[in-house]
Amino acid sequence: MSEVTIKIEGMHCGGCVRNVTKALETLPGVASVEVSLDEACAVVQYDPASIDAAAMRQVVEEAGFDAPQ
């Protein structure tokens, strides 16, 4: 397993945190997701053979948030 921290811009409430968490948890290869509103990021444990950080950032952006590199 690998770990990546993805910066997320545009989260304002607990609902935003839930939306980002759900979006990331549905991805194949993602083992766990911890999203922090205060830190404006998501820490994701994942299998690098199944998914990469770029794909995770794309899913966050498709959920309506910015995920700069």
Protein backbone atom coordinates (compact mmCIF):
# COMPACT_ATOMS: atom_id res chain seq x y z
CA MET A 1 0.00 0.00 0.00
CA SER A 2 1.01 3.56 -0.68
CA GLU A 3 -0.20 6.83 0.81
CA VAL A 4 -0.84 10.17 -0.85
CA THR A 5 -2.03 13.50 0.52
CA ILE A 6 -4.24 15.38 -1.93
CA LYS A 7 -4.81 19.09 -1.34
CA ILE A 8 -8.46 20.03 -1.86
CA GLU A 9 -9.79 23.53 -2.38
CA GLY A 10 -13.43 24.53 -2.14
CA MET A 11 -14.62 22.44 0.81
CA HIS A 12 -16.77 24.48 3.20
CA CYS A 13 -18.68 22.03 5.39
CA GLY A 14 -19.16 18.46 6.53
CA GLY A 15 -21.25 17.72 3.46
CA CYS A 16 -18.27 18.60 1.27
CA VAL A 17 -16.10 16.23 3.31
CA ARG A 18 -18.66 13.43 2.85
CA ASN A 19 -18.87 14.04 -0.92
CA VAL A 20 -15.09 13.89 -1.34
CA THR A 21 -14.82 10.82 0.91
CA LYS A 22 -17.53 8.95 -1.03
CA ALA A 23 -16.01 9.88 -4.39
CA LEU A 24 -12.58 8.55 -3.39
CA GLU A 25 -13.85 5.44 -1.58
CA THR A 26 -15.60 4.19 -4.73
CA LEU A 27 -12.33 3.97 -6.67
CA PRO A 28 -10.78 0.54 -7.20
CA GLY A 29 -7.56 0.14 -5.25
CA VAL A 30 -8.43 2.70 -2.56
CA ALA A 31 -8.15 1.10 0.89
CA SER A 32 -8.93 4.08 3.14
CA VAL A 33 -9.71 7.78 2.95
CA GLU A 34 -9.42 10.45 5.63
CA VAL A 35 -10.63 13.90 4.55
CA SER A 36 -9.90 16.93 6.74
CA LEU A 37 -11.88 20.14 6.36
CA ASP A 38 -9.42 22.02 8.61
CA GLU A 39 -6.34 20.81 6.71
CA ALA A 40 -8.10 21.05 3.30
CA CYS A 41 -6.78 17.67 2.20
CA ALA A 42 -7.45 13.98 1.85
CA VAL A 43 -5.03 11.29 2.97
CA VAL A 44 -5.57 8.18 0.88
CA GLN A 45 -4.15 4.69 1.36
CA TYR A 46 -4.17 2.93 -2.01
CA ASP A 47 -2.74 0.16 -4.16
CA PRO A 48 -0.47 1.80 -6.77
CA ALA A 49 -0.99 -1.16 -9.10
CA SER A 50 -4.69 -0.26 -9.32
CA ILE A 51 -4.81 3.56 -9.29
CA ASP A 52 -2.59 6.63 -9.19
CA ALA A 53 -2.80 10.07 -7.58
CA ALA A 54 -3.71 11.77 -10.87
CA ALA A 55 -6.86 9.63 -11.18
CA MET A 56 -7.80 10.45 -7.59
CA ARG A 57 -7.37 14.18 -8.22
CA GLN A 58 -9.57 13.88 -11.30
CA VAL A 59 -12.36 12.24 -9.28
CA VAL A 60 -12.15 15.02 -6.66
CA GLU A 61 -12.45 17.62 -9.41
CA GLU A 62 -15.39 15.76 -10.97
CA ALA A 63 -17.06 15.97 -7.55
CA GLY A 64 -16.86 19.77 -7.83
CA PHE A 65 -13.68 20.63 -5.92
CA ASP A 66 -10.19 21.77 -6.95
CA ALA A 67 -7.30 19.36 -6.39
CA PRO A 68 -4.10 21.20 -7.35
CA GLN A 69 -0.84 19.29 -7.52
